[in-house]
């Protein structure tokens, strides 16, 4: 192989490695506040247009349109009952009102209290990131929809 051909081959390999690592870095990037707000609004629109039964199934589908990297939707009744959950189907049909984060914060109770007085809000607590499998600070954006609360959040690792 000539010197020029070797140089071209090395350059091609370096370029390929850069592309692969660049794509991996982009894929590993967590959701943004704007993406969380947009997904919550999309979920609210789906619930209104499709009805709760169909929309909740879509929201709870880990491969569906309401799960993107570490961003997923959760829908609660105002009493803390989980109606839909994009990251943990085991929570659906359970009442999480007494859930506490690592600091002892009753984040679901706080969320329901906020929903009773605000149409939309942000809330901070700590929760398991489904991508990293680590407990991380989380900011959850929520919108009240009749007697439910539709939420999606971002992790801050």
N, C-alpha and C. Protein backbone atom coordinates (compact mmCIF):
# COMPACT_ATOMS: atom_id res chain seq x y z
N UNK A 1 0.85 -1.16 0.00
CA UNK A 1 0.00 0.00 0.00
C UNK A 1 0.90 1.23 0.00
N UNK A 2 0.58 2.18 -0.83
CA UNK A 2 1.40 3.40 -0.93
C UNK A 2 1.21 4.26 0.31
N UNK A 3 2.11 5.21 0.51
CA UNK A 3 2.06 6.12 1.65
C UNK A 3 0.77 6.94 1.62
N UNK A 4 0.35 7.38 0.45
CA UNK A 4 -0.88 8.16 0.31
C UNK A 4 -2.11 7.34 0.63
N UNK A 5 -2.13 6.07 0.21
CA UNK A 5 -3.26 5.18 0.48
C UNK A 5 -3.37 4.89 1.97
N UNK A 6 -2.19 4.69 2.65
CA UNK A 6 -2.19 4.45 4.09
C UNK A 6 -2.74 5.66 4.83
N UNK A 7 -2.33 6.84 4.40
CA UNK A 7 -2.79 8.08 5.03
C UNK A 7 -4.30 8.22 4.86
N UNK A 8 -4.82 7.92 3.68
CA UNK A 8 -6.26 8.00 3.43
C UNK A 8 -7.02 6.99 4.27
N UNK A 9 -6.48 5.78 4.42
CA UNK A 9 -7.13 4.74 5.22
C UNK A 9 -7.17 5.16 6.69
N UNK A 10 -6.07 5.70 7.20
CA UNK A 10 -6.02 6.16 8.59
C UNK A 10 -7.01 7.30 8.79
N UNK A 11 -7.06 8.23 7.87
CA UNK A 11 -7.99 9.35 7.95
C UNK A 11 -9.43 8.84 7.97
N UNK A 12 -9.75 7.86 7.14
CA UNK A 12 -11.10 7.30 7.08
C UNK A 12 -11.47 6.64 8.41
N UNK A 13 -10.53 5.90 9.01
CA UNK A 13 -10.80 5.25 10.29
C UNK A 13 -11.02 6.30 11.38
N UNK A 14 -10.19 7.31 11.40
CA UNK A 14 -10.34 8.38 12.39
C UNK A 14 -11.70 9.07 12.23
N UNK A 15 -12.09 9.34 11.01
CA UNK A 15 -13.38 9.97 10.74
C UNK A 15 -14.53 9.07 11.20
N UNK A 16 -14.45 7.79 10.92
CA UNK A 16 -15.48 6.85 11.33
C UNK A 16 -15.59 6.80 12.85
N UNK A 17 -14.48 6.74 13.55
CA UNK A 17 -14.48 6.72 15.02
C UNK A 17 -15.11 8.00 15.56
N UNK A 18 -14.77 9.13 14.97
CA UNK A 18 -15.34 10.41 15.41
C UNK A 18 -16.85 10.43 15.21
N UNK A 19 -17.33 9.91 14.11
CA UNK A 19 -18.76 9.87 13.84
C UNK A 19 -19.47 8.97 14.85
N UNK A 20 -18.91 7.79 15.11
CA UNK A 20 -19.53 6.87 16.06
C UNK A 20 -19.58 7.47 17.45
N UNK A 21 -18.46 8.03 17.92
CA UNK A 21 -18.45 8.63 19.25
C UNK A 21 -19.34 9.86 19.31
N UNK A 22 -19.40 10.63 18.27
CA UNK A 22 -20.28 11.80 18.23
C UNK A 22 -21.73 11.39 18.31
N UNK A 23 -22.13 10.36 17.58
CA UNK A 23 -23.51 9.87 17.61
C UNK A 23 -23.85 9.32 18.99
N UNK A 24 -22.90 8.63 19.62
CA UNK A 24 -23.13 8.09 20.96
C UNK A 24 -23.32 9.22 21.95
N UNK A 25 -22.53 10.26 21.85
CA UNK A 25 -22.67 11.40 22.76
C UNK A 25 -24.02 12.08 22.59
N UNK A 26 -24.47 12.21 21.36
CA UNK A 26 -25.77 12.84 21.12
C UNK A 26 -26.87 11.97 21.69
N UNK A 27 -26.80 10.65 21.48
CA UNK A 27 -27.83 9.74 21.97
C UNK A 27 -27.88 9.72 23.50
N UNK A 28 -26.74 9.92 24.15
CA UNK A 28 -26.67 9.86 25.61
C UNK A 28 -27.14 11.16 26.26
N UNK A 29 -27.34 12.19 25.50
CA UNK A 29 -27.76 13.47 26.04
C UNK A 29 -29.17 13.37 26.57
N UNK A 30 -29.38 13.89 27.78
CA UNK A 30 -30.71 13.86 28.37
C UNK A 30 -31.62 14.92 27.76
N UNK A 31 -32.88 14.80 28.07
CA UNK A 31 -33.90 15.72 27.57
C UNK A 31 -33.72 17.11 28.18
N UNK A 32 -34.28 18.10 27.51
CA UNK A 32 -34.23 19.49 27.97
C UNK A 32 -35.58 19.89 28.56
N UNK A 33 -35.60 21.02 29.25
CA UNK A 33 -36.86 21.53 29.80
C UNK A 33 -37.89 21.77 28.70
N UNK A 34 -37.45 22.34 27.58
CA UNK A 34 -38.39 22.59 26.48
C UNK A 34 -38.95 21.30 25.92
N UNK A 35 -38.12 20.25 25.84
CA UNK A 35 -38.61 18.96 25.35
C UNK A 35 -39.62 18.35 26.33
N UNK A 36 -39.36 18.50 27.61
CA UNK A 36 -40.30 17.98 28.62
C UNK A 36 -41.64 18.71 28.52
N UNK A 37 -41.60 20.02 28.43
CA UNK A 37 -42.84 20.78 28.31
C UNK A 37 -43.61 20.39 27.05
N UNK A 38 -42.89 20.26 25.94
CA UNK A 38 -43.54 19.91 24.67
C UNK A 38 -44.16 18.52 24.75
N UNK A 39 -43.48 17.56 25.39
CA UNK A 39 -44.04 16.22 25.47
C UNK A 39 -45.27 16.18 26.37
N UNK A 40 -45.24 16.93 27.47
CA UNK A 40 -46.42 17.00 28.35
C UNK A 40 -47.60 17.58 27.56
N UNK A 41 -47.35 18.65 26.82
CA UNK A 41 -48.42 19.27 26.03
C UNK A 41 -48.95 18.31 24.97
N UNK A 42 -48.06 17.53 24.37
CA UNK A 42 -48.46 16.52 23.38
C UNK A 42 -49.31 15.44 24.04
N UNK A 43 -48.95 15.03 25.25
CA UNK A 43 -49.73 14.02 25.97
C UNK A 43 -51.10 14.55 26.36
N UNK A 44 -51.16 15.79 26.82
CA UNK A 44 -52.45 16.40 27.17
C UNK A 44 -53.34 16.45 25.92
N UNK A 45 -52.78 16.86 24.79
CA UNK A 45 -53.54 16.91 23.55
C UNK A 45 -54.04 15.53 23.15
N UNK A 46 -53.21 14.49 23.32
CA UNK A 46 -53.61 13.12 22.97
C UNK A 46 -54.75 12.64 23.87
N UNK A 47 -54.65 12.94 25.16
CA UNK A 47 -55.71 12.53 26.09
C UNK A 47 -57.02 13.20 25.71
N UNK A 48 -56.96 14.47 25.37
CA UNK A 48 -58.17 15.21 24.98
C UNK A 48 -58.75 14.68 23.66
N UNK A 49 -57.91 14.39 22.69
CA UNK A 49 -58.41 14.01 21.36
C UNK A 49 -58.73 12.51 21.25
N UNK A 50 -57.94 11.65 21.88
CA UNK A 50 -58.11 10.20 21.74
C UNK A 50 -58.90 9.57 22.88
N UNK A 51 -59.01 10.30 23.97
CA UNK A 51 -59.62 9.75 25.18
C UNK A 51 -58.56 9.13 26.05
N UNK A 52 -58.83 9.06 27.36
CA UNK A 52 -57.84 8.54 28.30
C UNK A 52 -57.41 7.10 28.02
N UNK A 53 -58.33 6.20 27.73
CA UNK A 53 -57.96 4.79 27.58
C UNK A 53 -56.88 4.59 26.52
N UNK A 54 -57.11 5.11 25.33
CA UNK A 54 -56.14 4.94 24.25
C UNK A 54 -54.85 5.70 24.55
N UNK A 55 -54.98 6.94 25.00
CA UNK A 55 -53.80 7.77 25.27
C UNK A 55 -52.95 7.17 26.39
N UNK A 56 -53.57 6.65 27.45
CA UNK A 56 -52.81 6.07 28.55
C UNK A 56 -52.02 4.85 28.08
N UNK A 57 -52.60 4.05 27.20
CA UNK A 57 -51.86 2.90 26.65
C UNK A 57 -50.63 3.38 25.88
N UNK A 58 -50.80 4.42 25.06
CA UNK A 58 -49.67 4.97 24.30
C UNK A 58 -48.62 5.56 25.23
N UNK A 59 -49.06 6.28 26.25
CA UNK A 59 -48.14 6.91 27.20
C UNK A 59 -47.34 5.84 27.95
N UNK A 60 -47.96 4.71 28.24
CA UNK A 60 -47.31 3.65 29.02
C UNK A 60 -46.48 2.69 28.18
N UNK A 61 -46.43 2.90 26.88
CA UNK A 61 -45.65 2.04 25.97
C UNK A 61 -44.21 2.54 25.94
N UNK A 62 -43.25 1.76 26.47
CA UNK A 62 -41.86 2.23 26.51
C UNK A 62 -41.24 2.47 25.13
N UNK A 63 -41.86 1.93 24.08
CA UNK A 63 -41.37 2.15 22.71
C UNK A 63 -42.28 3.12 21.95
N UNK A 64 -43.22 3.73 22.66
CA UNK A 64 -44.21 4.60 22.04
C UNK A 64 -43.74 6.05 21.90
N UNK A 65 -44.64 6.90 21.48
CA UNK A 65 -44.31 8.30 21.20
C UNK A 65 -44.12 9.18 22.42
N UNK A 66 -44.35 8.62 23.62
CA UNK A 66 -44.23 9.44 24.82
C UNK A 66 -43.05 9.04 25.69
N UNK A 67 -42.08 8.37 25.08
CA UNK A 67 -40.83 8.02 25.75
C UNK A 67 -39.70 8.38 24.80
N UNK A 68 -38.77 9.20 25.28
CA UNK A 68 -37.63 9.64 24.48
C UNK A 68 -36.42 9.76 25.39
N UNK A 69 -35.48 8.84 25.25
CA UNK A 69 -34.29 8.78 26.11
C UNK A 69 -34.72 8.68 27.57
N UNK A 70 -34.37 9.67 28.40
CA UNK A 70 -34.74 9.67 29.81
C UNK A 70 -36.03 10.44 30.08
N UNK A 71 -36.70 10.88 29.04
CA UNK A 71 -37.94 11.64 29.16
C UNK A 71 -39.13 10.71 28.91
N UNK A 72 -40.06 10.70 29.83
CA UNK A 72 -41.28 9.89 29.71
C UNK A 72 -42.40 10.60 30.44
N UNK A 73 -43.62 10.20 30.14
CA UNK A 73 -44.80 10.83 30.73
C UNK A 73 -45.36 9.94 31.84
N UNK A 74 -45.88 10.60 32.88
CA UNK A 74 -46.61 9.94 33.96
C UNK A 74 -47.92 10.71 34.14
N UNK A 75 -49.01 9.98 34.31
CA UNK A 75 -50.31 10.61 34.57
C UNK A 75 -50.81 10.09 35.91
N UNK A 76 -51.21 11.04 36.78
CA UNK A 76 -51.75 10.72 38.10
C UNK A 76 -53.18 11.23 38.21
N UNK A 77 -54.00 10.52 38.99
CA UNK A 77 -55.24 11.09 39.50
C UNK A 77 -54.83 12.01 40.64
N UNK A 78 -55.68 12.96 41.01
CA UNK A 78 -55.32 13.92 42.06
C UNK A 78 -55.13 13.29 43.44
N UNK A 79 -55.52 12.02 43.60
CA UNK A 79 -55.29 11.35 44.88
C UNK A 79 -53.95 10.61 44.93
N UNK A 80 -53.16 10.67 43.81
CA UNK A 80 -51.85 10.02 43.77
C UNK A 80 -51.85 8.68 43.05
N UNK A 81 -53.00 8.24 42.54
CA UNK A 81 -53.08 6.98 41.79
C UNK A 81 -52.42 7.17 40.43
N UNK A 82 -51.53 6.24 40.06
CA UNK A 82 -50.84 6.31 38.77
C UNK A 82 -51.76 5.71 37.70
N UNK A 83 -52.08 6.51 36.69
CA UNK A 83 -52.96 6.09 35.61
C UNK A 83 -52.20 5.65 34.37
N UNK A 84 -51.01 6.21 34.18
CA UNK A 84 -50.14 5.85 33.05
C UNK A 84 -48.71 6.17 33.46
N UNK A 85 -47.76 5.35 32.97
CA UNK A 85 -46.35 5.57 33.33
C UNK A 85 -45.46 5.03 32.22
N UNK A 86 -44.68 5.89 31.60
CA UNK A 86 -43.85 5.50 30.47
C UNK A 86 -42.58 4.75 30.83
N UNK A 87 -42.19 4.73 32.09
CA UNK A 87 -40.93 4.09 32.47
C UNK A 87 -41.10 2.89 33.40
N UNK A 88 -42.28 2.75 34.03
CA UNK A 88 -42.45 1.68 35.00
C UNK A 88 -43.91 1.25 35.06
N UNK A 89 -44.27 0.28 34.24
CA UNK A 89 -45.67 -0.19 34.17
C UNK A 89 -46.16 -0.75 35.51
N UNK A 90 -45.24 -1.20 36.38
CA UNK A 90 -45.64 -1.76 37.67
C UNK A 90 -46.31 -0.70 38.56
N UNK A 91 -46.05 0.55 38.30
CA UNK A 91 -46.64 1.62 39.11
C UNK A 91 -48.09 1.91 38.72
N UNK A 92 -48.47 1.53 37.50
CA UNK A 92 -49.83 1.81 37.03
C UNK A 92 -50.83 1.09 37.92
N UNK A 93 -51.84 1.83 38.38
CA UNK A 93 -52.87 1.26 39.25
C UNK A 93 -52.49 1.25 40.72
N UNK A 94 -51.34 1.82 41.05
CA UNK A 94 -50.92 1.92 42.45
C UNK A 94 -50.99 3.37 42.90
N UNK A 95 -51.24 3.56 44.17
CA UNK A 95 -51.29 4.91 44.71
C UNK A 95 -49.91 5.25 45.27
N UNK A 96 -49.31 6.30 44.73
CA UNK A 96 -47.94 6.70 45.09
C UNK A 96 -47.90 7.94 45.97
N UNK A 97 -49.02 8.32 46.55
CA UNK A 97 -49.11 9.57 47.31
C UNK A 97 -48.07 9.65 48.43
N UNK A 98 -47.69 8.52 49.02
CA UNK A 98 -46.73 8.52 50.13
C UNK A 98 -45.29 8.28 49.69
N UNK A 99 -45.03 8.21 48.38
CA UNK A 99 -43.65 8.02 47.90
C UNK A 99 -42.76 9.15 48.41
N UNK A 100 -41.54 8.76 48.79
CA UNK A 100 -40.54 9.74 49.25
C UNK A 100 -39.27 9.55 48.44
N UNK A 101 -38.56 10.65 48.21
CA UNK A 101 -37.26 10.53 47.56
C UNK A 101 -36.20 10.25 48.63
N UNK A 102 -34.93 10.20 48.24
CA UNK A 102 -33.86 9.89 49.19
C UNK A 102 -33.74 10.87 50.34
N UNK A 103 -34.21 12.10 50.11
CA UNK A 103 -34.15 13.13 51.15
C UNK A 103 -35.39 13.12 52.03
N UNK A 104 -36.32 12.19 51.78
CA UNK A 104 -37.55 12.12 52.57
C UNK A 104 -38.66 13.02 52.06
N UNK A 105 -38.47 13.62 50.92
CA UNK A 105 -39.48 14.52 50.35
C UNK A 105 -40.63 13.70 49.79
N UNK A 106 -41.85 13.99 50.22
CA UNK A 106 -43.05 13.33 49.68
C UNK A 106 -43.42 14.02 48.37
N UNK A 107 -42.71 13.65 47.31
CA UNK A 107 -42.82 14.39 46.05
C UNK A 107 -44.15 14.20 45.35
N UNK A 108 -44.80 13.05 45.47
CA UNK A 108 -46.10 12.87 44.83
C UNK A 108 -47.16 13.69 45.57
N UNK A 109 -47.13 13.66 46.90
CA UNK A 109 -48.07 14.47 47.69
C UNK A 109 -47.88 15.95 47.34
N UNK A 110 -46.62 16.40 47.30
CA UNK A 110 -46.34 17.79 46.94
C UNK A 110 -46.87 18.10 45.55
N UNK A 111 -46.68 17.18 44.61
CA UNK A 111 -47.14 17.37 43.24
C UNK A 111 -48.66 17.52 43.19
N UNK A 112 -49.37 16.69 43.94
CA UNK A 112 -50.84 16.77 43.94
C UNK A 112 -51.30 18.08 44.58
N UNK A 113 -50.61 18.51 45.64
CA UNK A 113 -50.96 19.79 46.26
C UNK A 113 -50.72 20.95 45.29
N UNK A 114 -49.62 20.92 44.56
CA UNK A 114 -49.34 21.96 43.57
C UNK A 114 -50.40 21.96 42.46
N UNK A 115 -50.81 20.76 42.05
CA UNK A 115 -51.79 20.64 40.96
C UNK A 115 -53.16 21.21 41.36
N UNK A 116 -53.45 21.20 42.64
CA UNK A 116 -54.74 21.73 43.10
C UNK A 116 -54.80 23.25 43.04
N UNK A 117 -53.63 23.89 42.96
CA UNK A 117 -53.61 25.37 42.96
C UNK A 117 -52.94 25.98 41.73
N UNK A 118 -52.35 25.15 40.86
CA UNK A 118 -51.66 25.65 39.67
C UNK A 118 -52.07 24.84 38.44
N UNK A 119 -52.27 25.51 37.33
CA UNK A 119 -52.59 24.81 36.07
C UNK A 119 -51.36 24.10 35.51
N UNK A 120 -50.17 24.68 35.76
CA UNK A 120 -48.91 24.07 35.35
C UNK A 120 -47.83 24.52 36.32
N UNK A 121 -46.79 23.68 36.45
CA UNK A 121 -45.74 24.00 37.42
C UNK A 121 -44.54 23.09 37.20
N UNK A 122 -43.40 23.49 37.77
CA UNK A 122 -42.18 22.68 37.83
C UNK A 122 -41.99 22.25 39.27
N UNK A 123 -41.43 21.06 39.45
CA UNK A 123 -41.17 20.53 40.78
C UNK A 123 -39.81 19.84 40.77
N UNK A 124 -39.06 19.95 41.87
CA UNK A 124 -37.74 19.32 41.98
C UNK A 124 -37.75 18.24 43.05
N UNK A 125 -37.07 17.14 42.77
CA UNK A 125 -36.90 16.04 43.72
C UNK A 125 -35.82 15.11 43.16
N UNK A 126 -35.61 13.97 43.78
CA UNK A 126 -34.62 12.99 43.29
C UNK A 126 -35.34 11.71 42.91
N UNK A 127 -34.91 11.10 41.78
CA UNK A 127 -35.59 9.90 41.30
C UNK A 127 -34.65 9.07 40.45
N UNK A 128 -34.99 7.81 40.26
CA UNK A 128 -34.18 6.89 39.46
C UNK A 128 -34.27 7.24 37.98
N UNK A 129 -33.14 7.53 37.39
CA UNK A 129 -33.06 7.78 35.95
C UNK A 129 -33.10 6.42 35.25
N UNK A 130 -34.10 6.19 34.36
CA UNK A 130 -34.20 4.87 33.72
C UNK A 130 -33.06 4.57 32.75
N UNK A 131 -32.33 5.58 32.32
CA UNK A 131 -31.22 5.38 31.38
C UNK A 131 -29.94 5.06 32.13
N UNK A 132 -29.59 5.89 33.13
CA UNK A 132 -28.34 5.69 33.87
C UNK A 132 -28.48 4.69 35.02
N UNK A 133 -29.72 4.42 35.44
CA UNK A 133 -30.01 3.53 36.58
C UNK A 133 -29.45 4.09 37.88
N UNK A 134 -29.34 5.42 37.97
CA UNK A 134 -28.85 6.08 39.17
C UNK A 134 -29.92 7.06 39.68
N UNK A 135 -29.93 7.27 40.99
CA UNK A 135 -30.80 8.29 41.57
C UNK A 135 -30.16 9.64 41.25
N UNK A 136 -30.94 10.53 40.62
CA UNK A 136 -30.42 11.83 40.20
C UNK A 136 -31.44 12.92 40.50
N UNK A 137 -30.97 14.16 40.65
CA UNK A 137 -31.91 15.28 40.76
C UNK A 137 -32.79 15.34 39.52
N UNK A 138 -34.07 15.59 39.73
CA UNK A 138 -35.02 15.64 38.62
C UNK A 138 -35.90 16.86 38.75
N UNK A 139 -36.22 17.45 37.62
CA UNK A 139 -37.19 18.53 37.57
C UNK A 139 -38.36 18.04 36.73
N UNK A 140 -39.55 18.08 37.32
CA UNK A 140 -40.75 17.55 36.66
C UNK A 140 -41.67 18.71 36.30
N UNK A 141 -42.07 18.73 35.02
CA UNK A 141 -43.05 19.71 34.56
C UNK A 141 -44.41 19.02 34.52
N UNK A 142 -45.43 19.67 35.08
CA UNK A 142 -46.76 19.07 35.15
C UNK A 142 -47.83 20.06 34.70
N UNK A 143 -48.88 19.51 34.10
CA UNK A 143 -50.07 20.28 33.76
C UNK A 143 -51.28 19.54 34.29
N UNK A 144 -52.17 20.31 34.93
CA UNK A 144 -53.41 19.71 35.40
C UNK A 144 -54.37 19.58 34.24
N UNK A 145 -55.03 18.44 34.15
CA UNK A 145 -56.05 18.19 33.13
C UNK A 145 -57.25 17.60 33.85
N UNK A 146 -58.24 18.43 34.10
CA UNK A 146 -59.43 18.04 34.86
C UNK A 146 -59.00 17.47 36.21
N UNK A 147 -59.29 16.19 36.48
CA UNK A 147 -58.94 15.59 37.77
C UNK A 147 -57.66 14.76 37.70
N UNK A 148 -56.80 15.09 36.74
CA UNK A 148 -55.53 14.38 36.59
C UNK A 148 -54.38 15.38 36.49
N UNK A 149 -53.17 14.85 36.60
CA UNK A 149 -51.95 15.63 36.45
C UNK A 149 -51.06 14.86 35.47
N UNK A 150 -50.64 15.55 34.39
CA UNK A 150 -49.81 14.96 33.36
C UNK A 150 -48.41 15.55 33.51
N UNK A 151 -47.40 14.69 33.67
CA UNK A 151 -46.05 15.17 33.99
C UNK A 151 -44.98 14.50 33.13
N UNK A 152 -43.91 15.24 32.91
CA UNK A 152 -42.71 14.73 32.25
C UNK A 152 -41.52 15.51 32.78
N UNK A 153 -40.40 14.84 33.00
CA UNK A 153 -39.30 15.53 33.64
C UNK A 153 -37.94 15.28 33.03
N UNK A 154 -37.01 16.07 33.51
CA UNK A 154 -35.62 15.98 33.07
C UNK A 154 -34.73 15.64 34.26
N UNK A 155 -33.67 14.92 33.98
CA UNK A 155 -32.69 14.56 35.01
C UNK A 155 -31.49 15.47 34.89
N UNK A 156 -30.88 15.74 36.03
CA UNK A 156 -29.71 16.61 36.07
C UNK A 156 -28.56 15.85 36.72
N UNK A 157 -27.92 15.02 35.92
CA UNK A 157 -26.84 14.18 36.46
C UNK A 157 -25.61 14.99 36.81
